[in-house]
Amino acid sequence: YLEPVATGEAVMGAAISEPDVGSDVSSVSTRAEKSEGQGASERSGSTA
């Protein structure tokens, strides 16, 4: 990942802020584990 950015072949980014989370980084959303069939539109934040 590093060399393509250094040579200009790629551009990367850091994804931290969320629609409801700005300065309070520790509040990046964390619902319980995603239930079956629940899509991203029903959630805020990012879970993995």
All heavy atoms as atom14 arrays in JSON, in Angstrom:
{
  "sequence": "YLEPVATGEAVMGAAISEPDVGSDVSSVSTRAEKSEGQGASERSGSTA",
  "atom14_mask": [
    [1, 1, 1, 1, 1, 1, 1, 1, 1, 1, 1, 1, 0, 0],
    [1, 1, 1, 1, 1, 1, 1, 1, 0, 0, 0, 0, 0, 0],
    [1, 1, 1, 1, 1, 1, 1, 1, 1, 0, 0, 0, 0, 0],
    [1, 1, 1, 1, 1, 1, 1, 0, 0, 0, 0, 0, 0, 0],
    [1, 1, 1, 1, 1, 1, 1, 0, 0, 0, 0, 0, 0, 0],
    [1, 1, 1, 1, 1, 0, 0, 0, 0, 0, 0, 0, 0, 0],
    [1, 1, 1, 1, 1, 1, 1, 0, 0, 0, 0, 0, 0, 0],
    [1, 1, 1, 1, 0, 0, 0, 0, 0, 0, 0, 0, 0, 0],
    [1, 1, 1, 1, 1, 1, 1, 1, 1, 0, 0, 0, 0, 0],
    [1, 1, 1, 1, 1, 0, 0, 0, 0, 0, 0, 0, 0, 0],
    [1, 1, 1, 1, 1, 1, 1, 0, 0, 0, 0, 0, 0, 0],
    [1, 1, 1, 1, 1, 1, 1, 1, 0, 0, 0, 0, 0, 0],
    [1, 1, 1, 1, 0, 0, 0, 0, 0, 0, 0, 0, 0, 0],
    [1, 1, 1, 1, 1, 0, 0, 0, 0, 0, 0, 0, 0, 0],
    [1, 1, 1, 1, 1, 0, 0, 0, 0, 0, 0, 0, 0, 0],
    [1, 1, 1, 1, 1, 1, 1, 1, 0, 0, 0, 0, 0, 0],
    [1, 1, 1, 1, 1, 1, 0, 0, 0, 0, 0, 0, 0, 0],
    [1, 1, 1, 1, 1, 1, 1, 1, 1, 0, 0, 0, 0, 0],
    [1, 1, 1, 1, 1, 1, 1, 0, 0, 0, 0, 0, 0, 0],
    [1, 1, 1, 1, 1, 1, 1, 1, 0, 0, 0, 0, 0, 0],
    [1, 1, 1, 1, 1, 1, 1, 0, 0, 0, 0, 0, 0, 0],
    [1, 1, 1, 1, 0, 0, 0, 0, 0, 0, 0, 0, 0, 0],
    [1, 1, 1, 1, 1, 1, 0, 0, 0, 0, 0, 0, 0, 0],
    [1, 1, 1, 1, 1, 1, 1, 1, 0, 0, 0, 0, 0, 0],
    [1, 1, 1, 1, 1, 1, 1, 0, 0, 0, 0, 0, 0, 0],
    [1, 1, 1, 1, 1, 1, 0, 0, 0, 0, 0, 0, 0, 0],
    [1, 1, 1, 1, 1, 1, 0, 0, 0, 0, 0, 0, 0, 0],
    [1, 1, 1, 1, 1, 1, 1, 0, 0, 0, 0, 0, 0, 0],
    [1, 1, 1, 1, 1, 1, 0, 0, 0, 0, 0, 0, 0, 0],
    [1, 1, 1, 1, 1, 1, 1, 0, 0, 0, 0, 0, 0, 0],
    [1, 1, 1, 1, 1, 1, 1, 1, 1, 1, 1, 0, 0, 0],
    [1, 1, 1, 1, 1, 0, 0, 0, 0, 0, 0, 0, 0, 0],
    [1, 1, 1, 1, 1, 1, 1, 1, 1, 0, 0, 0, 0, 0],
    [1, 1, 1, 1, 1, 1, 1, 1, 1, 0, 0, 0, 0, 0],
    [1, 1, 1, 1, 1, 1, 0, 0, 0, 0, 0, 0, 0, 0],
    [1, 1, 1, 1, 1, 1, 1, 1, 1, 0, 0, 0, 0, 0],
    [1, 1, 1, 1, 0, 0, 0, 0, 0, 0, 0, 0, 0, 0],
    [1, 1, 1, 1, 1, 1, 1, 1, 1, 0, 0, 0, 0, 0],
    [1, 1, 1, 1, 0, 0, 0, 0, 0, 0, 0, 0, 0, 0],
    [1, 1, 1, 1, 1, 0, 0, 0, 0, 0, 0, 0, 0, 0],
    [1, 1, 1, 1, 1, 1, 0, 0, 0, 0, 0, 0, 0, 0],
    [1, 1, 1, 1, 1, 1, 1, 1, 1, 0, 0, 0, 0, 0],
    [1, 1, 1, 1, 1, 1, 1, 1, 1, 1, 1, 0, 0, 0],
    [1, 1, 1, 1, 1, 1, 0, 0, 0, 0, 0, 0, 0, 0],
    [1, 1, 1, 1, 0, 0, 0, 0, 0, 0, 0, 0, 0, 0],
    [1, 1, 1, 1, 1, 1, 0, 0, 0, 0, 0, 0, 0, 0],
    [1, 1, 1, 1, 1, 1, 1, 0, 0, 0, 0, 0, 0, 0],
    [1, 1, 1, 1, 1, 0, 0, 0, 0, 0, 0, 0, 0, 0]
  ],
  "atom14_positions": [
    [[0.79, -1.23, 0.0], [0.0, 0.0, 0.0], [0.83, 1.29, 0.0], [0.35, 2.31, -0.51], [-0.93, 0.01, 1.21], [-1.97, -1.08, 1.17], [-1.88, -2.19, 2.01], [-3.04, -1.02, 0.27], [-2.83, -3.2, 1.98], [-3.98, -2.04, 0.23], [-3.87, -3.12, 1.08], [-4.81, -4.12, 1.02], [0.0, 0.0, 0.0], [0.0, 0.0, 0.0]],
    [[2.03, 1.28, 0.53], [2.77, 2.53, 0.66], [3.44, 2.99, -0.63], [3.38, 4.16, -0.99], [3.82, 2.4, 1.78], [3.26, 2.18, 3.18], [4.41, 2.06, 4.19], [2.32, 3.31, 3.58], [0.0, 0.0, 0.0], [0.0, 0.0, 0.0], [0.0, 0.0, 0.0], [0.0, 0.0, 0.0], [0.0, 0.0, 0.0], [0.0, 0.0, 0.0]],
    [[4.08, 2.07, -1.33], [4.82, 2.47, -2.53], [3.93, 3.09, -3.61], [4.31, 4.11, -4.2], [5.61, 1.29, -3.1], [6.51, 1.71, -4.27], [7.49, 0.63, -4.68], [7.65, -0.35, -3.92], [8.1, 0.78, -5.75], [0.0, 0.0, 0.0], [0.0, 0.0, 0.0], [0.0, 0.0, 0.0], [0.0, 0.0, 0.0], [0.0, 0.0, 0.0]],
    [[2.75, 2.53, -3.9], [1.91, 3.17, -4.93], [1.52, 4.61, -4.58], [1.39, 5.45, -5.47], [0.67, 2.27, -4.97], [1.13, 0.95, -4.47], [2.15, 1.27, -3.42], [0.0, 0.0, 0.0], [0.0, 0.0, 0.0], [0.0, 0.0, 0.0], [0.0, 0.0, 0.0], [0.0, 0.0, 0.0], [0.0, 0.0, 0.0], [0.0, 0.0, 0.0]],
    [[1.36, 4.9, -3.3], [1.04, 6.27, -2.89], [2.26, 7.16, -3.07], [2.16, 8.29, -3.58], [0.56, 6.3, -1.41], [0.4, 7.74, -0.93], [-0.75, 5.55, -1.27], [0.0, 0.0, 0.0], [0.0, 0.0, 0.0], [0.0, 0.0, 0.0], [0.0, 0.0, 0.0], [0.0, 0.0, 0.0], [0.0, 0.0, 0.0], [0.0, 0.0, 0.0]],
    [[3.41, 6.68, -2.65], [4.64, 7.46, -2.75], [4.97, 7.81, -4.2], [5.48, 8.9, -4.49], [5.8, 6.71, -2.11], [0.0, 0.0, 0.0], [0.0, 0.0, 0.0], [0.0, 0.0, 0.0], [0.0, 0.0, 0.0], [0.0, 0.0, 0.0], [0.0, 0.0, 0.0], [0.0, 0.0, 0.0], [0.0, 0.0, 0.0], [0.0, 0.0, 0.0]],
    [[4.68, 6.9, -5.12], [5.02, 7.11, -6.53], [3.92, 7.82, -7.31], [4.08, 8.1, -8.5], [5.34, 5.77, -7.21], [4.19, 4.91, -7.1], [6.55, 5.11, -6.56], [0.0, 0.0, 0.0], [0.0, 0.0, 0.0], [0.0, 0.0, 0.0], [0.0, 0.0, 0.0], [0.0, 0.0, 0.0], [0.0, 0.0, 0.0], [0.0, 0.0, 0.0]],
    [[2.79, 8.08, -6.67], [1.7, 8.77, -7.34], [0.75, 7.87, -8.09], [-0.15, 8.35, -8.78], [0.0, 0.0, 0.0], [0.0, 0.0, 0.0], [0.0, 0.0, 0.0], [0.0, 0.0, 0.0], [0.0, 0.0, 0.0], [0.0, 0.0, 0.0], [0.0, 0.0, 0.0], [0.0, 0.0, 0.0], [0.0, 0.0, 0.0], [0.0, 0.0, 0.0]],
    [[0.92, 6.55, -7.95], [0.04, 5.61, -8.64], [-1.29, 5.42, -7.91], [-2.25, 4.92, -8.48], [0.74, 4.26, -8.78], [2.0, 4.32, -9.65], [2.77, 3.0, -9.61], [2.13, 1.97, -9.29], [3.98, 3.0, -9.89], [0.0, 0.0, 0.0], [0.0, 0.0, 0.0], [0.0, 0.0, 0.0], [0.0, 0.0, 0.0], [0.0, 0.0, 0.0]],
    [[-1.33, 5.8, -6.64], [-2.55, 5.62, -5.85], [-2.71, 6.78, -4.87], [-1.75, 7.48, -4.54], [-2.51, 4.29, -5.09], [0.0, 0.0, 0.0], [0.0, 0.0, 0.0], [0.0, 0.0, 0.0], [0.0, 0.0, 0.0], [0.0, 0.0, 0.0], [0.0, 0.0, 0.0], [0.0, 0.0, 0.0], [0.0, 0.0, 0.0], [0.0, 0.0, 0.0]],
    [[-3.94, 6.95, -4.42], [-4.28, 7.94, -3.39], [-5.0, 7.19, -2.29], [-5.83, 6.31, -2.55], [-5.19, 9.05, -3.97], [-5.71, 9.95, -2.86], [-4.43, 9.86, -5.02], [0.0, 0.0, 0.0], [0.0, 0.0, 0.0], [0.0, 0.0, 0.0], [0.0, 0.0, 0.0], [0.0, 0.0, 0.0], [0.0, 0.0, 0.0], [0.0, 0.0, 0.0]],
    [[-4.7, 7.53, -1.04], [-5.35, 6.84, 0.06], [-6.02, 7.85, 1.0], [-5.9, 9.06, 0.82], [-4.36, 5.97, 0.83], [-3.26, 6.71, 1.56], [-2.12, 5.59, 2.44], [-3.21, 4.82, 3.65], [0.0, 0.0, 0.0], [0.0, 0.0, 0.0], [0.0, 0.0, 0.0], [0.0, 0.0, 0.0], [0.0, 0.0, 0.0], [0.0, 0.0, 0.0]],
    [[-6.72, 7.34, 1.98], [-7.4, 8.21, 2.93], [-7.55, 7.53, 4.28], [-7.36, 6.32, 4.41], [0.0, 0.0, 0.0], [0.0, 0.0, 0.0], [0.0, 0.0, 0.0], [0.0, 0.0, 0.0], [0.0, 0.0, 0.0], [0.0, 0.0, 0.0], [0.0, 0.0, 0.0], [0.0, 0.0, 0.0], [0.0, 0.0, 0.0], [0.0, 0.0, 0.0]],
    [[-7.88, 8.33, 5.28], [-8.16, 7.82, 6.62], [-9.63, 8.11, 6.93], [-10.07, 9.26, 6.82], [-7.25, 8.47, 7.66], [0.0, 0.0, 0.0], [0.0, 0.0, 0.0], [0.0, 0.0, 0.0], [0.0, 0.0, 0.0], [0.0, 0.0, 0.0], [0.0, 0.0, 0.0], [0.0, 0.0, 0.0], [0.0, 0.0, 0.0], [0.0, 0.0, 0.0]],
    [[-10.39, 7.1, 7.28], [-11.83, 7.24, 7.52], [-12.11, 7.1, 9.01], [-12.14, 5.98, 9.54], [-12.6, 6.21, 6.7], [0.0, 0.0, 0.0], [0.0, 0.0, 0.0], [0.0, 0.0, 0.0], [0.0, 0.0, 0.0], [0.0, 0.0, 0.0], [0.0, 0.0, 0.0], [0.0, 0.0, 0.0], [0.0, 0.0, 0.0], [0.0, 0.0, 0.0]],
    [[-12.33, 8.24, 9.65], [-12.55, 8.26, 11.1], [-13.92, 8.86, 11.44], [-14.76, 8.21, 12.04], [-11.43, 9.06, 11.81], [-10.06, 8.46, 11.48], [-11.68, 9.07, 13.32], [-8.89, 9.32, 11.92], [0.0, 0.0, 0.0], [0.0, 0.0, 0.0], [0.0, 0.0, 0.0], [0.0, 0.0, 0.0], [0.0, 0.0, 0.0], [0.0, 0.0, 0.0]],
    [[-14.15, 10.12, 11.04], [-15.39, 10.82, 11.4], [-16.62, 10.13, 10.81], [-16.56, 9.48, 9.77], [-15.34, 12.26, 10.9], [-14.32, 12.98, 11.54], [0.0, 0.0, 0.0], [0.0, 0.0, 0.0], [0.0, 0.0, 0.0], [0.0, 0.0, 0.0], [0.0, 0.0, 0.0], [0.0, 0.0, 0.0], [0.0, 0.0, 0.0], [0.0, 0.0, 0.0]],
    [[-17.74, 10.31, 11.51], [-19.01, 9.73, 11.09], [-20.09, 10.79, 11.13], [-19.88, 11.87, 11.7], [-19.36, 8.55, 12.0], [-18.34, 7.44, 11.95], [-18.61, 6.31, 12.92], [-19.52, 6.46, 13.77], [-17.91, 5.29, 12.84], [0.0, 0.0, 0.0], [0.0, 0.0, 0.0], [0.0, 0.0, 0.0], [0.0, 0.0, 0.0], [0.0, 0.0, 0.0]],
    [[-21.25, 10.53, 10.55], [-22.31, 11.54, 10.55], [-22.65, 12.09, 11.93], [-22.95, 13.27, 12.09], [-23.51, 10.79, 9.94], [-22.88, 9.78, 9.04], [-21.63, 9.34, 9.75], [0.0, 0.0, 0.0], [0.0, 0.0, 0.0], [0.0, 0.0, 0.0], [0.0, 0.0, 0.0], [0.0, 0.0, 0.0], [0.0, 0.0, 0.0], [0.0, 0.0, 0.0]],
    [[-22.57, 11.24, 12.95], [-22.91, 11.67, 14.31], [-21.7, 11.73, 15.24], [-21.85, 11.92, 16.44], [-23.95, 10.72, 14.91], [-25.26, 10.74, 14.13], [-25.67, 11.82, 13.7], [-25.84, 9.65, 13.93], [0.0, 0.0, 0.0], [0.0, 0.0, 0.0], [0.0, 0.0, 0.0], [0.0, 0.0, 0.0], [0.0, 0.0, 0.0], [0.0, 0.0, 0.0]],
    [[-20.51, 11.56, 14.69], [-19.3, 11.53, 15.51], [-18.24, 12.41, 14.88], [-17.78, 12.13, 13.78], [-18.76, 10.09, 15.65], [-17.48, 10.09, 16.48], [-19.8, 9.19, 16.29], [0.0, 0.0, 0.0], [0.0, 0.0, 0.0], [0.0, 0.0, 0.0], [0.0, 0.0, 0.0], [0.0, 0.0, 0.0], [0.0, 0.0, 0.0], [0.0, 0.0, 0.0]],
    [[-17.87, 13.48, 15.58], [-16.82, 14.37, 15.09], [-15.65, 14.38, 16.05], [-14.77, 13.53, 16.0], [0.0, 0.0, 0.0], [0.0, 0.0, 0.0], [0.0, 0.0, 0.0], [0.0, 0.0, 0.0], [0.0, 0.0, 0.0], [0.0, 0.0, 0.0], [0.0, 0.0, 0.0], [0.0, 0.0, 0.0], [0.0, 0.0, 0.0], [0.0, 0.0, 0.0]],
    [[-15.66, 15.35, 16.97], [-14.54, 15.49, 17.91], [-14.41, 14.3, 18.86], [-13.3, 13.95, 19.27], [-14.72, 16.78, 18.73], [-14.67, 17.92, 17.89], [0.0, 0.0, 0.0], [0.0, 0.0, 0.0], [0.0, 0.0, 0.0], [0.0, 0.0, 0.0], [0.0, 0.0, 0.0], [0.0, 0.0, 0.0], [0.0, 0.0, 0.0], [0.0, 0.0, 0.0]],
    [[-15.51, 13.68, 19.21], [-15.49, 12.56, 20.16], [-15.24, 11.26, 19.41], [-16.15, 10.47, 19.16], [-16.81, 12.51, 20.93], [-16.8, 11.43, 22.02], [-15.73, 10.85, 22.26], [-17.87, 11.18, 22.6], [0.0, 0.0, 0.0], [0.0, 0.0, 0.0], [0.0, 0.0, 0.0], [0.0, 0.0, 0.0], [0.0, 0.0, 0.0], [0.0, 0.0, 0.0]],
    [[-13.97, 11.02, 19.1], [-13.61, 9.86, 18.28], [-13.99, 8.55, 18.98], [-14.35, 7.57, 18.33], [-12.1, 9.88, 17.96], [-11.7, 8.64, 17.17], [-11.75, 11.14, 17.18], [0.0, 0.0, 0.0], [0.0, 0.0, 0.0], [0.0, 0.0, 0.0], [0.0, 0.0, 0.0], [0.0, 0.0, 0.0], [0.0, 0.0, 0.0], [0.0, 0.0, 0.0]],
    [[-13.94, 8.55, 20.3], [-14.22, 7.31, 21.03], [-15.69, 6.9, 20.94], [-16.06, 5.81, 21.39], [-13.83, 7.45, 22.51], [-14.63, 8.42, 23.15], [0.0, 0.0, 0.0], [0.0, 0.0, 0.0], [0.0, 0.0, 0.0], [0.0, 0.0, 0.0], [0.0, 0.0, 0.0], [0.0, 0.0, 0.0], [0.0, 0.0, 0.0], [0.0, 0.0, 0.0]],
    [[-16.52, 7.75, 20.35], [-17.93, 7.41, 20.2], [-18.26, 6.86, 18.81], [-19.42, 6.8, 18.43], [-18.82, 8.64, 20.48], [-18.79, 8.95, 21.85], [0.0, 0.0, 0.0], [0.0, 0.0, 0.0], [0.0, 0.0, 0.0], [0.0, 0.0, 0.0], [0.0, 0.0, 0.0], [0.0, 0.0, 0.0], [0.0, 0.0, 0.0], [0.0, 0.0, 0.0]],
    [[-17.22, 6.48, 18.05], [-17.48, 5.78, 16.8], [-18.47, 4.67, 17.1], [-18.26, 3.87, 18.01], [-16.18, 5.21, 16.2], [-16.48, 4.19, 15.12], [-15.33, 6.33, 15.63], [0.0, 0.0, 0.0], [0.0, 0.0, 0.0], [0.0, 0.0, 0.0], [0.0, 0.0, 0.0], [0.0, 0.0, 0.0], [0.0, 0.0, 0.0], [0.0, 0.0, 0.0]],
    [[-19.56, 4.64, 16.38], [-20.73, 3.85, 16.77], [-20.43, 2.36, 16.93], [-19.71, 1.77, 16.18], [-21.83, 4.0, 15.72], [-22.97, 3.31, 16.14], [0.0, 0.0, 0.0], [0.0, 0.0, 0.0], [0.0, 0.0, 0.0], [0.0, 0.0, 0.0], [0.0, 0.0, 0.0], [0.0, 0.0, 0.0], [0.0, 0.0, 0.0], [0.0, 0.0, 0.0]],
    [[-21.03, 1.79, 17.91], [-20.85, 0.37, 18.18], [-22.11, -0.23, 18.73], [-22.25, -0.38, 19.91], [-19.73, 0.14, 19.21], [-19.83, -1.17, 19.7], [-19.81, 1.08, 20.34], [0.0, 0.0, 0.0], [0.0, 0.0, 0.0], [0.0, 0.0, 0.0], [0.0, 0.0, 0.0], [0.0, 0.0, 0.0], [0.0, 0.0, 0.0], [0.0, 0.0, 0.0]],
    [[-23.0, -0.55, 17.88], [-24.18, -1.28, 18.33], [-23.75, -2.71, 18.64], [-22.64, -3.1, 18.37], [-25.25, -1.27, 17.25], [-25.56, 0.12, 16.72], [-26.18, 0.99, 17.78], [-26.2, 2.38, 17.4], [-27.22, 2.97, 16.82], [-28.28, 2.26, 16.49], [-27.18, 4.25, 16.56], [0.0, 0.0, 0.0], [0.0, 0.0, 0.0], [0.0, 0.0, 0.0]],
    [[-24.65, -3.44, 19.22], [-24.38, -4.87, 19.37], [-24.14, -5.44, 17.99], [-24.34, -4.76, 17.0], [-25.54, -5.55, 20.05], [0.0, 0.0, 0.0], [0.0, 0.0, 0.0], [0.0, 0.0, 0.0], [0.0, 0.0, 0.0], [0.0, 0.0, 0.0], [0.0, 0.0, 0.0], [0.0, 0.0, 0.0], [0.0, 0.0, 0.0], [0.0, 0.0, 0.0]],
    [[-23.74, -6.65, 17.9], [-23.43, -7.23, 16.59], [-24.62, -7.09, 15.66], [-25.77, -7.23, 16.09], [-23.05, -8.7, 16.76], [-21.72, -8.86, 17.47], [-21.27, -10.3, 17.47], [-21.94, -11.13, 16.82], [-20.24, -10.58, 18.1], [0.0, 0.0, 0.0], [0.0, 0.0, 0.0], [0.0, 0.0, 0.0], [0.0, 0.0, 0.0], [0.0, 0.0, 0.0]],
    [[-24.34, -6.81, 14.42], [-25.37, -6.58, 13.42], [-26.31, -7.78, 13.33], [-25.89, -8.91, 13.14], [-24.73, -6.33, 12.06], [-25.7, -5.95, 10.99], [-24.98, -5.3, 9.84], [-24.14, -6.28, 9.07], [-24.95, -7.07, 8.14], [0.0, 0.0, 0.0], [0.0, 0.0, 0.0], [0.0, 0.0, 0.0], [0.0, 0.0, 0.0], [0.0, 0.0, 0.0]],
    [[-27.59, -7.5, 13.46], [-28.57, -8.58, 13.36], [-28.8, -8.96, 11.91], [-28.52, -8.18, 11.0], [-29.9, -8.17, 14.0], [-30.44, -7.04, 13.33], [0.0, 0.0, 0.0], [0.0, 0.0, 0.0], [0.0, 0.0, 0.0], [0.0, 0.0, 0.0], [0.0, 0.0, 0.0], [0.0, 0.0, 0.0], [0.0, 0.0, 0.0], [0.0, 0.0, 0.0]],
    [[-29.31, -10.14, 11.69], [-29.51, -10.66, 10.33], [-30.42, -9.73, 9.54], [-31.48, -9.33, 10.01], [-30.14, -12.05, 10.39], [-30.15, -12.76, 9.04], [-28.74, -13.1, 8.59], [-27.87, -13.28, 9.44], [-28.53, -13.18, 7.37], [0.0, 0.0, 0.0], [0.0, 0.0, 0.0], [0.0, 0.0, 0.0], [0.0, 0.0, 0.0], [0.0, 0.0, 0.0]],
    [[-29.95, -9.3, 8.36], [-30.78, -8.5, 7.47], [-30.75, -7.02, 7.73], [-31.41, -6.27, 7.05], [0.0, 0.0, 0.0], [0.0, 0.0, 0.0], [0.0, 0.0, 0.0], [0.0, 0.0, 0.0], [0.0, 0.0, 0.0], [0.0, 0.0, 0.0], [0.0, 0.0, 0.0], [0.0, 0.0, 0.0], [0.0, 0.0, 0.0], [0.0, 0.0, 0.0]],
    [[-29.99, -6.58, 8.74], [-29.94, -5.15, 9.02], [-28.88, -4.51, 8.15], [-27.73, -4.89, 8.17], [-29.59, -4.92, 10.5], [-29.64, -3.47, 10.9], [-29.3, -3.3, 12.38], [-28.61, -4.12, 12.95], [-29.79, -2.25, 12.98], [0.0, 0.0, 0.0], [0.0, 0.0, 0.0], [0.0, 0.0, 0.0], [0.0, 0.0, 0.0], [0.0, 0.0, 0.0]],
    [[-29.26, -3.53, 7.36], [-28.34, -2.9, 6.43], [-27.69, -1.67, 7.01], [-28.06, -1.19, 8.07], [0.0, 0.0, 0.0], [0.0, 0.0, 0.0], [0.0, 0.0, 0.0], [0.0, 0.0, 0.0], [0.0, 0.0, 0.0], [0.0, 0.0, 0.0], [0.0, 0.0, 0.0], [0.0, 0.0, 0.0], [0.0, 0.0, 0.0], [0.0, 0.0, 0.0]],
    [[-26.74, -1.13, 6.28], [-26.0, 0.03, 6.76], [-26.88, 1.24, 6.92], [-26.64, 2.09, 7.76], [-24.86, 0.35, 5.78], [0.0, 0.0, 0.0], [0.0, 0.0, 0.0], [0.0, 0.0, 0.0], [0.0, 0.0, 0.0], [0.0, 0.0, 0.0], [0.0, 0.0, 0.0], [0.0, 0.0, 0.0], [0.0, 0.0, 0.0], [0.0, 0.0, 0.0]],
    [[-27.97, 1.35, 6.13], [-28.84, 2.51, 6.21], [-29.55, 2.59, 7.55], [-30.05, 3.63, 7.94], [-29.86, 2.48, 5.08], [-30.68, 1.33, 5.18], [0.0, 0.0, 0.0], [0.0, 0.0, 0.0], [0.0, 0.0, 0.0], [0.0, 0.0, 0.0], [0.0, 0.0, 0.0], [0.0, 0.0, 0.0], [0.0, 0.0, 0.0], [0.0, 0.0, 0.0]],
    [[-29.6, 1.47, 8.28], [-30.29, 1.45, 9.57], [-29.33, 1.7, 10.73], [-29.71, 1.68, 11.88], [-30.96, 0.09, 9.77], [-32.0, -0.24, 8.71], [-32.49, -1.66, 8.9], [-33.23, -1.92, 9.87], [-32.12, -2.51, 8.08], [0.0, 0.0, 0.0], [0.0, 0.0, 0.0], [0.0, 0.0, 0.0], [0.0, 0.0, 0.0], [0.0, 0.0, 0.0]],
    [[-28.08, 1.96, 10.41], [-27.06, 2.1, 11.44], [-26.32, 3.4, 11.26], [-26.26, 3.96, 10.18], [-26.04, 0.96, 11.34], [-26.65, -0.41, 11.26], [-25.61, -1.44, 10.87], [-24.51, -1.45, 11.82], [-24.56, -2.06, 12.99], [-25.66, -2.66, 13.37], [-23.52, -2.07, 13.79], [0.0, 0.0, 0.0], [0.0, 0.0, 0.0], [0.0, 0.0, 0.0]],
    [[-25.74, 3.92, 12.32], [-24.79, 5.02, 12.2], [-23.44, 4.47, 12.59], [-23.33, 3.51, 13.35], [-25.18, 6.18, 13.12], [-25.13, 5.78, 14.46], [0.0, 0.0, 0.0], [0.0, 0.0, 0.0], [0.0, 0.0, 0.0], [0.0, 0.0, 0.0], [0.0, 0.0, 0.0], [0.0, 0.0, 0.0], [0.0, 0.0, 0.0], [0.0, 0.0, 0.0]],
    [[-22.39, 5.08, 12.09], [-21.06, 4.62, 12.42], [-20.65, 3.42, 11.6], [-21.32, 3.0, 10.68], [0.0, 0.0, 0.0], [0.0, 0.0, 0.0], [0.0, 0.0, 0.0], [0.0, 0.0, 0.0], [0.0, 0.0, 0.0], [0.0, 0.0, 0.0], [0.0, 0.0, 0.0], [0.0, 0.0, 0.0], [0.0, 0.0, 0.0], [0.0, 0.0, 0.0]],
    [[-19.51, 2.85, 11.96], [-18.98, 1.7, 11.23], [-18.66, 0.58, 12.18], [-18.01, 0.78, 13.2], [-17.71, 2.11, 10.47], [-18.0, 3.04, 9.48], [0.0, 0.0, 0.0], [0.0, 0.0, 0.0], [0.0, 0.0, 0.0], [0.0, 0.0, 0.0], [0.0, 0.0, 0.0], [0.0, 0.0, 0.0], [0.0, 0.0, 0.0], [0.0, 0.0, 0.0]],
    [[-19.15, -0.61, 11.89], [-18.84, -1.78, 12.69], [-18.23, -2.83, 11.79], [-18.45, -2.85, 10.59], [-20.1, -2.36, 13.36], [-20.99, -2.81, 12.34], [-20.8, -1.3, 14.2], [0.0, 0.0, 0.0], [0.0, 0.0, 0.0], [0.0, 0.0, 0.0], [0.0, 0.0, 0.0], [0.0, 0.0, 0.0], [0.0, 0.0, 0.0], [0.0, 0.0, 0.0]],
    [[-17.42, -3.67, 12.38], [-16.82, -4.77, 11.63], [-16.94, -6.03, 12.46], [-16.6, -6.03, 13.65], [-15.35, -4.48, 11.33], [0.0, 0.0, 0.0], [0.0, 0.0, 0.0], [0.0, 0.0, 0.0], [0.0, 0.0, 0.0], [0.0, 0.0, 0.0], [0.0, 0.0, 0.0], [0.0, 0.0, 0.0], [0.0, 0.0, 0.0], [0.0, 0.0, 0.0]]
  ]
}
